[in-house]
Amino acid sequence: MNHTLPAHHPHRAEPGEALPRTGVVAVLRADTPEHLLPAAGTLVDAGLVCLELTLTTPGALDALERLRKDLGDTADLGVGSVRSAEEARRSLDAGAGFLVSPGFHADVVAEARRAGVPVYPGGLTPTELAAAWDAGATAVKLFPASTVGPAHLKAFTDPYPDVRVMPTGGIGLDDIGAWIRAGALAVGLGGALSGDALSGGDLRALANRARRALDAVAGARS
């Protein structure tokens, strides 16, 4: 039986313009917040403007507030690794434009819906992904994506063609095209994109990786 779900849930926020346009979210997870600002500025200058600061980075919400002041409307700034309603509220108070969770936390989705911001809860199995979507997710984060591969996404979207999926976790730059061709709305890129930039490394190399990622999405879509 072909089980389709409505694309426009009555409480489902639409993705920010940057996500469907660029097809890439930069997941910025660092041991310290020291290098978040220069790395984020480099990514935005390269055209990769959808940035996720994770709560596992010390001082992430303070860094978010500074980035909001520095980058203004040029970037779509969100918070990841959100696992509770309290963390969701703190992130929203700090100016998060979207929320991302590693798993499906219904209270996080509910907080985002109340605030009217996009929310991307995680899941791996069809049951988990469908439950998150039914709860009002803007898109579901297939995580950890590298453990299953693009064929998993294709098999899921065959019976669930209206569910937006954002694979994240262990995706390399060379993998982007296959995920987009399999039906991904966008991909989340962590270490393969950031490299050593979040520990004070080469920002020029970061910019090159960002442009390569964006080109991979554009090429796969065409």
N, C-alpha and C. Protein backbone atom coordinates (compact mmCIF):
# COMPACT_ATOMS: atom_id res chain seq x y z
N MET A 1 0.85 -1.19 0.00
CA MET A 1 0.00 0.00 0.00
C MET A 1 0.88 1.24 0.00
N ASN A 2 0.52 2.21 -0.83
CA ASN A 2 1.30 3.44 -0.91
C ASN A 2 0.79 4.42 0.14
N HIS A 3 1.58 4.62 1.18
CA HIS A 3 1.18 5.48 2.30
C HIS A 3 1.80 6.85 2.10
N THR A 4 1.00 7.81 1.64
CA THR A 4 1.52 9.16 1.46
C THR A 4 1.05 10.04 2.61
N LEU A 5 1.85 11.02 2.92
CA LEU A 5 1.55 11.93 4.01
C LEU A 5 1.44 13.34 3.45
N PRO A 6 0.62 14.19 4.05
CA PRO A 6 0.46 15.54 3.53
C PRO A 6 1.74 16.34 3.66
N ALA A 7 2.08 17.07 2.60
CA ALA A 7 3.30 17.88 2.63
C ALA A 7 3.13 19.07 3.56
N HIS A 8 1.90 19.55 3.72
CA HIS A 8 1.68 20.78 4.47
C HIS A 8 0.83 20.48 5.70
N HIS A 9 1.47 19.98 6.73
CA HIS A 9 0.86 19.78 8.04
C HIS A 9 0.39 21.14 8.54
N PRO A 10 -0.77 21.20 9.21
CA PRO A 10 -1.29 22.50 9.62
C PRO A 10 -0.35 23.28 10.55
N HIS A 11 0.55 22.56 11.25
CA HIS A 11 1.47 23.26 12.15
C HIS A 11 2.92 23.14 11.69
N ARG A 12 3.12 22.79 10.42
CA ARG A 12 4.46 22.55 9.95
C ARG A 12 5.06 23.83 9.35
N ALA A 13 6.15 24.31 9.95
CA ALA A 13 6.84 25.47 9.40
C ALA A 13 7.57 25.05 8.13
N GLU A 14 7.64 25.96 7.18
CA GLU A 14 8.37 25.68 5.94
C GLU A 14 9.88 25.89 6.18
N PRO A 15 10.72 25.18 5.44
CA PRO A 15 12.16 25.41 5.59
C PRO A 15 12.52 26.85 5.26
N GLY A 16 13.54 27.35 5.93
CA GLY A 16 14.04 28.66 5.57
C GLY A 16 14.52 28.67 4.13
N GLU A 17 14.52 29.81 3.52
CA GLU A 17 14.86 29.91 2.09
C GLU A 17 16.22 29.33 1.78
N ALA A 18 17.18 29.47 2.69
CA ALA A 18 18.55 29.04 2.41
C ALA A 18 18.67 27.53 2.26
N LEU A 19 17.88 26.78 3.02
CA LEU A 19 18.05 25.32 3.01
C LEU A 19 17.69 24.69 1.67
N PRO A 20 16.48 24.89 1.16
CA PRO A 20 16.18 24.30 -0.15
C PRO A 20 16.98 24.91 -1.30
N ARG A 21 17.38 26.17 -1.15
CA ARG A 21 18.14 26.82 -2.23
C ARG A 21 19.55 26.24 -2.34
N THR A 22 20.25 26.14 -1.21
CA THR A 22 21.64 25.69 -1.24
C THR A 22 21.79 24.19 -1.09
N GLY A 23 20.87 23.56 -0.36
CA GLY A 23 20.93 22.11 -0.16
C GLY A 23 21.99 21.65 0.81
N VAL A 24 22.55 22.55 1.59
CA VAL A 24 23.61 22.18 2.53
C VAL A 24 23.41 22.92 3.86
N VAL A 25 23.53 22.17 4.96
CA VAL A 25 23.61 22.76 6.29
C VAL A 25 24.99 22.45 6.84
N ALA A 26 25.70 23.47 7.29
CA ALA A 26 27.01 23.28 7.93
C ALA A 26 26.77 23.02 9.42
N VAL A 27 27.16 21.84 9.88
CA VAL A 27 27.01 21.48 11.30
C VAL A 27 28.32 21.84 12.00
N LEU A 28 28.29 22.90 12.80
CA LEU A 28 29.50 23.44 13.42
C LEU A 28 29.59 22.95 14.86
N ARG A 29 30.37 21.89 15.05
CA ARG A 29 30.56 21.27 16.37
C ARG A 29 32.03 21.41 16.74
N ALA A 30 32.30 22.12 17.83
CA ALA A 30 33.68 22.42 18.19
C ALA A 30 33.92 22.17 19.67
N ASP A 31 35.20 22.02 20.04
CA ASP A 31 35.55 21.83 21.44
C ASP A 31 35.47 23.14 22.21
N THR A 32 35.68 24.25 21.52
CA THR A 32 35.57 25.58 22.12
C THR A 32 34.89 26.50 21.10
N PRO A 33 34.28 27.60 21.56
CA PRO A 33 33.61 28.51 20.62
C PRO A 33 34.55 29.49 19.94
N GLU A 34 35.85 29.41 20.26
CA GLU A 34 36.81 30.44 19.85
C GLU A 34 36.83 30.68 18.34
N HIS A 35 36.74 29.61 17.57
CA HIS A 35 36.90 29.74 16.12
C HIS A 35 35.58 29.66 15.35
N LEU A 36 34.46 29.65 16.06
CA LEU A 36 33.17 29.56 15.39
C LEU A 36 32.91 30.78 14.51
N LEU A 37 33.21 31.96 15.04
CA LEU A 37 32.87 33.18 14.30
C LEU A 37 33.65 33.31 12.99
N PRO A 38 34.97 33.15 12.98
CA PRO A 38 35.68 33.25 11.70
C PRO A 38 35.29 32.14 10.73
N ALA A 39 35.03 30.93 11.24
CA ALA A 39 34.62 29.85 10.35
C ALA A 39 33.26 30.14 9.74
N ALA A 40 32.33 30.62 10.57
CA ALA A 40 30.99 30.93 10.07
C ALA A 40 31.05 32.04 9.02
N GLY A 41 31.84 33.07 9.28
CA GLY A 41 31.97 34.15 8.30
C GLY A 41 32.55 33.67 6.98
N THR A 42 33.50 32.76 7.06
CA THR A 42 34.10 32.20 5.85
C THR A 42 33.07 31.42 5.04
N LEU A 43 32.27 30.61 5.72
CA LEU A 43 31.24 29.82 5.04
C LEU A 43 30.22 30.73 4.35
N VAL A 44 29.77 31.74 5.06
CA VAL A 44 28.77 32.65 4.50
C VAL A 44 29.33 33.39 3.29
N ASP A 45 30.57 33.82 3.38
CA ASP A 45 31.20 34.50 2.24
C ASP A 45 31.29 33.58 1.03
N ALA A 46 31.42 32.27 1.28
CA ALA A 46 31.51 31.29 0.19
C ALA A 46 30.14 30.91 -0.36
N GLY A 47 29.07 31.38 0.29
CA GLY A 47 27.72 31.09 -0.18
C GLY A 47 27.00 30.01 0.59
N LEU A 48 27.68 29.41 1.56
CA LEU A 48 27.04 28.37 2.38
C LEU A 48 26.50 29.07 3.62
N VAL A 49 25.22 29.39 3.58
CA VAL A 49 24.66 30.32 4.55
C VAL A 49 23.74 29.68 5.59
N CYS A 50 23.54 28.39 5.51
CA CYS A 50 22.68 27.70 6.48
C CYS A 50 23.59 27.02 7.51
N LEU A 51 23.66 27.57 8.71
CA LEU A 51 24.63 27.15 9.72
C LEU A 51 23.94 26.65 10.98
N GLU A 52 24.39 25.50 11.45
CA GLU A 52 23.86 24.90 12.68
C GLU A 52 24.96 24.87 13.74
N LEU A 53 24.76 25.60 14.82
CA LEU A 53 25.66 25.55 15.97
C LEU A 53 25.11 24.53 16.96
N THR A 54 25.94 23.59 17.39
CA THR A 54 25.42 22.53 18.25
C THR A 54 25.59 22.86 19.72
N LEU A 55 24.62 22.43 20.52
CA LEU A 55 24.69 22.67 21.95
C LEU A 55 25.82 21.91 22.62
N THR A 56 26.42 20.94 21.92
CA THR A 56 27.57 20.24 22.47
C THR A 56 28.83 21.09 22.44
N THR A 57 28.79 22.22 21.75
CA THR A 57 29.90 23.17 21.77
C THR A 57 29.73 24.12 22.96
N PRO A 58 30.69 24.19 23.87
CA PRO A 58 30.56 25.13 24.99
C PRO A 58 30.35 26.56 24.49
N GLY A 59 29.41 27.26 25.09
CA GLY A 59 29.18 28.65 24.71
C GLY A 59 28.50 28.83 23.37
N ALA A 60 27.84 27.78 22.88
CA ALA A 60 27.24 27.86 21.54
C ALA A 60 26.18 28.95 21.45
N LEU A 61 25.36 29.12 22.48
CA LEU A 61 24.29 30.10 22.39
C LEU A 61 24.82 31.53 22.46
N ASP A 62 25.89 31.74 23.23
CA ASP A 62 26.54 33.06 23.22
C ASP A 62 27.11 33.35 21.84
N ALA A 63 27.72 32.32 21.23
CA ALA A 63 28.28 32.49 19.89
C ALA A 63 27.18 32.78 18.88
N LEU A 64 26.02 32.14 19.06
CA LEU A 64 24.90 32.39 18.16
C LEU A 64 24.47 33.85 18.21
N GLU A 65 24.37 34.38 19.41
CA GLU A 65 23.96 35.78 19.54
C GLU A 65 24.96 36.71 18.87
N ARG A 66 26.27 36.41 19.00
CA ARG A 66 27.28 37.25 18.35
C ARG A 66 27.20 37.12 16.83
N LEU A 67 26.97 35.90 16.36
CA LEU A 67 26.85 35.70 14.91
C LEU A 67 25.64 36.43 14.35
N ARG A 68 24.56 36.44 15.10
CA ARG A 68 23.36 37.17 14.66
C ARG A 68 23.69 38.64 14.44
N LYS A 69 24.47 39.21 15.36
CA LYS A 69 24.84 40.62 15.24
C LYS A 69 25.80 40.84 14.06
N ASP A 70 26.75 39.92 13.90
CA ASP A 70 27.77 40.09 12.87
C ASP A 70 27.25 39.81 11.47
N LEU A 71 26.42 38.77 11.34
CA LEU A 71 26.00 38.31 10.01
C LEU A 71 24.62 38.81 9.62
N GLY A 72 23.83 39.21 10.59
CA GLY A 72 22.49 39.73 10.29
C GLY A 72 21.66 38.76 9.50
N ASP A 73 21.05 39.25 8.44
CA ASP A 73 20.15 38.43 7.63
C ASP A 73 20.87 37.67 6.52
N THR A 74 22.20 37.75 6.50
CA THR A 74 22.93 37.06 5.42
C THR A 74 23.03 35.56 5.67
N ALA A 75 22.73 35.10 6.90
CA ALA A 75 22.84 33.68 7.24
C ALA A 75 21.58 33.20 7.91
N ASP A 76 21.27 31.92 7.71
CA ASP A 76 20.18 31.24 8.40
C ASP A 76 20.83 30.45 9.53
N LEU A 77 20.69 30.93 10.76
CA LEU A 77 21.41 30.39 11.90
C LEU A 77 20.48 29.57 12.79
N GLY A 78 20.86 28.33 13.06
CA GLY A 78 20.05 27.47 13.91
C GLY A 78 20.90 26.78 14.96
N VAL A 79 20.23 25.99 15.78
CA VAL A 79 20.89 25.28 16.88
C VAL A 79 20.59 23.79 16.76
N GLY A 80 21.64 22.97 16.92
CA GLY A 80 21.50 21.53 16.84
C GLY A 80 21.79 20.85 18.16
N SER A 81 21.61 19.54 18.19
CA SER A 81 21.76 18.71 19.39
C SER A 81 20.79 19.13 20.48
N VAL A 82 19.60 19.59 20.06
CA VAL A 82 18.56 20.02 20.99
C VAL A 82 17.74 18.80 21.40
N ARG A 83 17.71 18.51 22.70
CA ARG A 83 17.11 17.25 23.16
C ARG A 83 16.01 17.42 24.19
N SER A 84 15.65 18.65 24.53
CA SER A 84 14.60 18.85 25.52
C SER A 84 13.87 20.16 25.25
N ALA A 85 12.70 20.31 25.84
CA ALA A 85 11.94 21.54 25.68
C ALA A 85 12.71 22.73 26.25
N GLU A 86 13.41 22.51 27.38
CA GLU A 86 14.18 23.60 27.97
C GLU A 86 15.29 24.05 27.03
N GLU A 87 16.00 23.08 26.44
CA GLU A 87 17.06 23.45 25.49
C GLU A 87 16.48 24.16 24.27
N ALA A 88 15.29 23.72 23.84
CA ALA A 88 14.65 24.38 22.71
C ALA A 88 14.32 25.82 23.04
N ARG A 89 13.76 26.07 24.22
CA ARG A 89 13.40 27.43 24.61
C ARG A 89 14.64 28.32 24.73
N ARG A 90 15.70 27.80 25.32
CA ARG A 90 16.94 28.57 25.45
C ARG A 90 17.50 28.92 24.08
N SER A 91 17.45 27.96 23.17
CA SER A 91 17.97 28.19 21.81
C SER A 91 17.14 29.24 21.09
N LEU A 92 15.83 29.15 21.23
CA LEU A 92 14.95 30.13 20.58
C LEU A 92 15.15 31.52 21.18
N ASP A 93 15.33 31.58 22.49
CA ASP A 93 15.56 32.87 23.15
C ASP A 93 16.87 33.51 22.67
N ALA A 94 17.83 32.65 22.30
CA ALA A 94 19.13 33.16 21.83
C ALA A 94 19.09 33.56 20.36
N GLY A 95 17.95 33.30 19.70
CA GLY A 95 17.81 33.72 18.32
C GLY A 95 17.90 32.62 17.28
N ALA A 96 17.74 31.37 17.69
CA ALA A 96 17.81 30.27 16.73
C ALA A 96 16.70 30.39 15.69
N GLY A 97 17.09 30.31 14.42
CA GLY A 97 16.11 30.36 13.34
C GLY A 97 15.54 29.00 12.98
N PHE A 98 16.17 27.95 13.49
CA PHE A 98 15.66 26.59 13.33
C PHE A 98 16.29 25.72 14.41
N LEU A 99 15.66 24.56 14.67
CA LEU A 99 16.16 23.62 15.68
C LEU A 99 16.39 22.26 15.02
N VAL A 100 17.45 21.58 15.47
CA VAL A 100 17.78 20.26 14.97
C VAL A 100 18.02 19.33 16.16
N SER A 101 17.51 18.12 16.07
CA SER A 101 17.69 17.13 17.13
C SER A 101 18.32 15.87 16.56
N PRO A 102 19.12 15.16 17.37
CA PRO A 102 19.71 13.90 16.90
C PRO A 102 18.68 12.77 16.81
N GLY A 103 17.62 12.88 17.61
CA GLY A 103 16.53 11.90 17.58
C GLY A 103 15.21 12.63 17.59
N PHE A 104 14.12 11.88 17.72
CA PHE A 104 12.80 12.49 17.74
C PHE A 104 12.39 12.78 19.18
N HIS A 105 12.34 14.05 19.53
CA HIS A 105 11.89 14.50 20.84
C HIS A 105 10.64 15.33 20.62
N ALA A 106 9.50 14.78 20.96
CA ALA A 106 8.22 15.42 20.65
C ALA A 106 8.11 16.80 21.28
N ASP A 107 8.69 16.97 22.48
CA ASP A 107 8.58 18.28 23.14
C ASP A 107 9.40 19.35 22.42
N VAL A 108 10.49 18.95 21.77
CA VAL A 108 11.28 19.90 20.99
C VAL A 108 10.49 20.34 19.76
N VAL A 109 9.85 19.37 19.08
CA VAL A 109 9.03 19.71 17.92
C VAL A 109 7.90 20.64 18.35
N ALA A 110 7.29 20.36 19.50
CA ALA A 110 6.18 21.19 19.97
C ALA A 110 6.63 22.63 20.25
N GLU A 111 7.80 22.79 20.87
CA GLU A 111 8.31 24.13 21.15
C GLU A 111 8.57 24.90 19.86
N ALA A 112 9.16 24.22 18.87
CA ALA A 112 9.42 24.88 17.59
C ALA A 112 8.13 25.27 16.91
N ARG A 113 7.14 24.40 16.95
CA ARG A 113 5.84 24.70 16.33
C ARG A 113 5.20 25.91 16.99
N ARG A 114 5.29 25.99 18.32
CA ARG A 114 4.72 27.14 19.03
C ARG A 114 5.41 28.44 18.61
N ALA A 115 6.73 28.34 18.38
CA ALA A 115 7.48 29.53 17.98
C ALA A 115 7.39 29.81 16.49
N GLY A 116 6.87 28.86 15.72
CA GLY A 116 6.74 29.04 14.28
C GLY A 116 8.04 28.94 13.53
N VAL A 117 9.04 28.21 14.08
CA VAL A 117 10.32 28.06 13.40
C VAL A 117 10.47 26.64 12.88
N PRO A 118 11.26 26.44 11.82
CA PRO A 118 11.49 25.09 11.31
C PRO A 118 12.18 24.21 12.34
N VAL A 119 11.86 22.90 12.29
CA VAL A 119 12.46 21.95 13.21
C VAL A 119 12.76 20.66 12.45
N TYR A 120 13.94 20.12 12.73
CA TYR A 120 14.44 18.95 11.99
C TYR A 120 14.84 17.86 12.98
N PRO A 121 13.88 17.03 13.42
CA PRO A 121 14.20 15.94 14.34
C PRO A 121 14.81 14.75 13.60
N GLY A 122 15.63 13.99 14.33
CA GLY A 122 16.34 12.88 13.72
C GLY A 122 15.60 11.56 13.83
N GLY A 123 15.94 10.65 12.95
CA GLY A 123 15.45 9.28 12.97
C GLY A 123 16.22 8.46 11.96
N LEU A 124 16.15 7.15 12.10
CA LEU A 124 16.87 6.28 11.18
C LEU A 124 15.92 5.31 10.47
N THR A 125 15.01 4.73 11.23
CA THR A 125 14.10 3.74 10.65
C THR A 125 12.89 4.44 10.02
N PRO A 126 12.19 3.75 9.12
CA PRO A 126 10.96 4.34 8.58
C PRO A 126 9.96 4.72 9.66
N THR A 127 9.84 3.92 10.69
CA THR A 127 8.91 4.23 11.77
C THR A 127 9.29 5.52 12.47
N GLU A 128 10.57 5.68 12.78
CA GLU A 128 11.03 6.90 13.46
C GLU A 128 10.86 8.12 12.58
N LEU A 129 11.22 8.02 11.33
CA LEU A 129 11.11 9.16 10.42
C LEU A 129 9.66 9.57 10.21
N ALA A 130 8.78 8.58 10.02
CA ALA A 130 7.37 8.88 9.81
C ALA A 130 6.74 9.49 11.06
N ALA A 131 7.12 9.01 12.24
CA ALA A 131 6.57 9.56 13.48
C ALA A 131 6.97 11.02 13.65
N ALA A 132 8.22 11.33 13.34
CA ALA A 132 8.68 12.71 13.45
C ALA A 132 7.95 13.61 12.46
N TRP A 133 7.75 13.11 11.26
CA TRP A 133 7.04 13.89 10.25
C TRP A 133 5.59 14.12 10.66
N ASP A 134 4.93 13.08 11.15
CA ASP A 134 3.54 13.21 11.58
C ASP A 134 3.39 14.20 12.72
N ALA A 135 4.43 14.35 13.53
CA ALA A 135 4.38 15.28 14.67
C ALA A 135 4.51 16.73 14.24
N GLY A 136 4.82 16.97 12.96
CA GLY A 136 4.90 18.33 12.46
C GLY A 136 6.30 18.80 12.11
N ALA A 137 7.25 17.86 11.94
CA ALA A 137 8.60 18.25 11.56
C ALA A 137 8.59 18.98 10.22
N THR A 138 9.48 19.95 10.09
CA THR A 138 9.65 20.65 8.82
C THR A 138 10.30 19.72 7.80
N ALA A 139 11.30 18.99 8.25
CA ALA A 139 11.92 17.90 7.52
C ALA A 139 12.48 16.96 8.58
N VAL A 140 12.72 15.72 8.20
CA VAL A 140 13.28 14.77 9.16
C VAL A 140 14.75 14.56 8.83
N LYS A 141 15.55 14.47 9.88
CA LYS A 141 17.00 14.30 9.72
C LYS A 141 17.32 12.81 9.76
N LEU A 142 17.72 12.26 8.64
CA LEU A 142 18.14 10.86 8.59
C LEU A 142 19.52 10.77 9.23
N PHE A 143 19.59 10.15 10.41
CA PHE A 143 20.82 10.18 11.20
C PHE A 143 21.02 8.87 11.96
N PRO A 144 22.25 8.34 11.98
CA PRO A 144 23.43 8.77 11.23
C PRO A 144 23.40 8.21 9.80
N ALA A 145 23.41 9.10 8.84
CA ALA A 145 23.15 8.73 7.45
C ALA A 145 24.19 7.77 6.88
N SER A 146 25.44 7.91 7.30
CA SER A 146 26.50 7.10 6.69
C SER A 146 26.37 5.63 7.04
N THR A 147 25.58 5.31 8.06
CA THR A 147 25.43 3.90 8.43
C THR A 147 24.45 3.16 7.52
N VAL A 148 23.70 3.90 6.71
CA VAL A 148 22.71 3.24 5.84
C VAL A 148 22.91 3.55 4.36
N GLY A 149 23.27 4.78 4.00
CA GLY A 149 23.52 5.12 2.61
C GLY A 149 22.30 5.61 1.85
N PRO A 150 22.52 6.18 0.65
CA PRO A 150 21.44 6.76 -0.14
C PRO A 150 20.35 5.76 -0.53
N ALA A 151 20.68 4.48 -0.67
CA ALA A 151 19.65 3.50 -1.03
C ALA A 151 18.57 3.42 0.05
N HIS A 152 18.94 3.64 1.29
CA HIS A 152 17.98 3.64 2.40
C HIS A 152 16.98 4.78 2.22
N LEU A 153 17.48 5.95 1.85
CA LEU A 153 16.60 7.10 1.62
C LEU A 153 15.65 6.83 0.47
N LYS A 154 16.18 6.31 -0.62
CA LYS A 154 15.33 6.03 -1.78
C LYS A 154 14.23 5.03 -1.43
N ALA A 155 14.59 3.98 -0.68
CA ALA A 155 13.60 2.98 -0.30
C ALA A 155 12.53 3.58 0.62
N PHE A 156 12.93 4.52 1.48
CA PHE A 156 11.97 5.16 2.38
C PHE A 156 11.02 6.08 1.63
N THR A 157 11.56 6.88 0.72
CA THR A 157 10.71 7.88 0.06
C THR A 157 9.79 7.27 -1.00
N ASP A 158 10.04 6.04 -1.41
CA ASP A 158 9.10 5.41 -2.34
C ASP A 158 7.69 5.35 -1.74
N PRO A 159 7.50 4.82 -0.51
CA PRO A 159 6.16 4.84 0.08
C PRO A 159 5.82 6.14 0.81
N TYR A 160 6.81 6.97 1.05
CA TYR A 160 6.59 8.25 1.73
C TYR A 160 7.10 9.39 0.85
N PRO A 161 6.52 9.61 -0.30
CA PRO A 161 7.11 10.56 -1.26
C PRO A 161 7.03 12.02 -0.82
N ASP A 162 6.17 12.37 0.11
CA ASP A 162 6.02 13.77 0.49
C ASP A 162 6.86 14.14 1.70
N VAL A 163 7.53 13.19 2.31
CA VAL A 163 8.33 13.48 3.49
C VAL A 163 9.67 14.08 3.07
N ARG A 164 9.97 15.26 3.60
CA ARG A 164 11.26 15.90 3.32
C ARG A 164 12.32 15.29 4.24
N VAL A 165 13.46 14.92 3.64
CA VAL A 165 14.51 14.25 4.41
C VAL A 165 15.84 14.97 4.23
N MET A 166 16.55 15.13 5.35
CA MET A 166 17.86 15.78 5.36
C MET A 166 18.88 14.81 5.97
N PRO A 167 19.59 14.04 5.15
CA PRO A 167 20.59 13.12 5.68
C PRO A 167 21.74 13.89 6.33
N THR A 168 22.19 13.39 7.47
CA THR A 168 23.26 14.02 8.24
C THR A 168 24.04 12.94 8.98
N GLY A 169 25.33 13.15 9.12
CA GLY A 169 26.14 12.23 9.91
C GLY A 169 27.06 11.37 9.06
N GLY A 170 28.33 11.75 9.02
CA GLY A 170 29.32 10.97 8.30
C GLY A 170 29.29 11.13 6.80
N ILE A 171 28.64 12.15 6.30
CA ILE A 171 28.56 12.37 4.84
C ILE A 171 29.81 13.10 4.37
N GLY A 172 30.48 12.52 3.38
CA GLY A 172 31.65 13.16 2.79
C GLY A 172 31.27 14.02 1.60
N LEU A 173 32.19 14.87 1.17
CA LEU A 173 31.90 15.74 0.04
C LEU A 173 31.60 14.95 -1.23
N ASP A 174 32.26 13.82 -1.39
CA ASP A 174 32.02 13.00 -2.58
C ASP A 174 30.70 12.26 -2.53
N ASP A 175 30.05 12.25 -1.37
CA ASP A 175 28.77 11.53 -1.21
C ASP A 175 27.57 12.41 -1.51
N ILE A 176 27.76 13.72 -1.58
CA ILE A 176 26.64 14.65 -1.63
C ILE A 176 25.73 14.38 -2.82
N GLY A 177 26.31 14.23 -4.00
CA GLY A 177 25.51 14.04 -5.19
C GLY A 177 24.59 12.85 -5.12
N ALA A 178 25.09 11.73 -4.58
CA ALA A 178 24.27 10.52 -4.48
C ALA A 178 23.08 10.75 -3.56
N TRP A 179 23.29 11.46 -2.47
CA TRP A 179 22.17 11.73 -1.55
C TRP A 179 21.14 12.64 -2.19
N ILE A 180 21.57 13.68 -2.88
CA ILE A 180 20.63 14.59 -3.53
C ILE A 180 19.84 13.84 -4.61
N ARG A 181 20.53 13.03 -5.38
CA ARG A 181 19.84 12.27 -6.44
C ARG A 181 18.87 11.24 -5.86
N ALA A 182 19.13 10.80 -4.63
CA ALA A 182 18.23 9.84 -3.98
C ALA A 182 16.99 10.51 -3.41
N GLY A 183 16.96 11.85 -3.46
CA GLY A 183 15.76 12.56 -3.02
C GLY A 183 15.92 13.45 -1.81
N ALA A 184 17.14 13.64 -1.32
CA ALA A 184 17.33 14.48 -0.15
C ALA A 184 16.98 15.93 -0.43
N LEU A 185 16.30 16.56 0.51
CA LEU A 185 16.05 18.01 0.44
C LEU A 185 17.37 18.77 0.55
N ALA A 186 18.23 18.29 1.44
CA ALA A 186 19.52 18.91 1.71
C ALA A 186 20.35 17.89 2.46
N VAL A 187 21.63 18.18 2.64
CA VAL A 187 22.48 17.33 3.46
C VAL A 187 23.10 18.16 4.56
N GLY A 188 23.31 17.53 5.71
CA GLY A 188 24.04 18.16 6.80
C GLY A 188 25.48 17.69 6.77
N LEU A 189 26.41 18.63 6.76
CA LEU A 189 27.84 18.31 6.68
C LEU A 189 28.55 18.76 7.94
N GLY A 190 29.28 17.82 8.57
CA GLY A 190 30.04 18.14 9.76
C GLY A 190 31.52 18.20 9.50
N GLY A 191 32.24 17.19 9.98
CA GLY A 191 33.69 17.20 9.90
C GLY A 191 34.24 17.24 8.50
N ALA A 192 33.55 16.62 7.55
CA ALA A 192 34.05 16.62 6.17
C ALA A 192 34.10 18.03 5.60
N LEU A 193 33.24 18.90 6.10
CA LEU A 193 33.23 20.29 5.66
C LEU A 193 34.16 21.14 6.52
N SER A 194 34.02 21.04 7.83
CA SER A 194 34.75 21.96 8.72
C SER A 194 36.24 21.66 8.77
N GLY A 195 36.62 20.36 8.62
CA GLY A 195 38.04 20.04 8.66
C GLY A 195 38.68 20.55 9.94
N ASP A 196 39.79 21.30 9.82
CA ASP A 196 40.48 21.82 11.00
C ASP A 196 40.10 23.27 11.30
N ALA A 197 39.10 23.79 10.57
CA ALA A 197 38.78 25.22 10.70
C ALA A 197 38.24 25.59 12.08
N LEU A 198 37.59 24.65 12.76
CA LEU A 198 37.01 24.95 14.07
C LEU A 198 38.03 24.82 15.20
N SER A 199 39.26 24.48 14.83
CA SER A 199 40.34 24.47 15.82
C SER A 199 41.46 25.41 15.39
N GLY A 200 41.11 26.40 14.56
CA GLY A 200 42.07 27.41 14.16
C GLY A 200 42.81 27.09 12.87
N GLY A 201 42.27 26.17 12.08
CA GLY A 201 42.93 25.74 10.86
C GLY A 201 42.70 26.66 9.67
N ASP A 202 42.88 26.08 8.49
CA ASP A 202 42.94 26.82 7.23
C ASP A 202 41.54 27.26 6.77
N LEU A 203 41.27 28.55 6.82
CA LEU A 203 39.96 29.06 6.40
C LEU A 203 39.82 29.09 4.89
N ARG A 204 40.92 29.25 4.19
CA ARG A 204 40.84 29.21 2.73
C ARG A 204 40.41 27.82 2.25
N ALA A 205 40.96 26.78 2.88
CA ALA A 205 40.56 25.42 2.54
C ALA A 205 39.09 25.19 2.89
N LEU A 206 38.63 25.78 3.99
CA LEU A 206 37.22 25.68 4.37
C LEU A 206 36.34 26.29 3.29
N ALA A 207 36.71 27.46 2.79
CA ALA A 207 35.93 28.12 1.74
C ALA A 207 35.89 27.25 0.48
N ASN A 208 37.02 26.63 0.15
CA ASN A 208 37.05 25.76 -1.02
C ASN A 208 36.13 24.55 -0.86
N ARG A 209 36.11 23.97 0.35
CA ARG A 209 35.22 22.83 0.60
C ARG A 209 33.75 23.26 0.53
N ALA A 210 33.47 24.45 1.03
CA ALA A 210 32.09 24.94 0.98
C ALA A 210 31.62 25.11 -0.46
N ARG A 211 32.46 25.70 -1.29
CA ARG A 211 32.08 25.88 -2.69
C ARG A 211 31.94 24.54 -3.40
N ARG A 212 32.80 23.59 -3.04
CA ARG A 212 32.71 22.25 -3.64
C ARG A 212 31.39 21.57 -3.25
N ALA A 213 30.98 21.74 -2.00
CA ALA A 213 29.73 21.15 -1.55
C ALA A 213 28.53 21.76 -2.28
N LEU A 214 28.53 23.07 -2.41
CA LEU A 214 27.43 23.75 -3.09
C LEU A 214 27.38 23.34 -4.57
N ASP A 215 28.55 23.21 -5.19
CA ASP A 215 28.59 22.79 -6.58
C ASP A 215 28.09 21.37 -6.74
N ALA A 216 28.37 20.51 -5.77
CA ALA A 216 27.90 19.12 -5.83
C ALA A 216 26.39 19.04 -5.79
N VAL A 217 25.77 19.87 -4.95
CA VAL A 217 24.30 19.91 -4.88
C VAL A 217 23.74 20.40 -6.21
N ALA A 218 24.28 21.50 -6.70
CA ALA A 218 23.77 22.07 -7.96
C ALA A 218 23.92 21.08 -9.11
N GLY A 219 25.06 20.40 -9.15
CA GLY A 219 25.28 19.43 -10.22
C GLY A 219 24.31 18.25 -10.15
N ALA A 220 24.05 17.78 -8.93
CA ALA A 220 23.14 16.65 -8.78
C ALA A 220 21.71 17.04 -9.12
N ARG A 221 21.34 18.27 -8.82
CA ARG A 221 19.97 18.71 -9.12
C ARG A 221 19.76 18.94 -10.61
N SER A 222 20.83 19.25 -11.33
CA SER A 222 20.67 19.53 -12.76
C SER A 222 20.74 18.27 -13.58
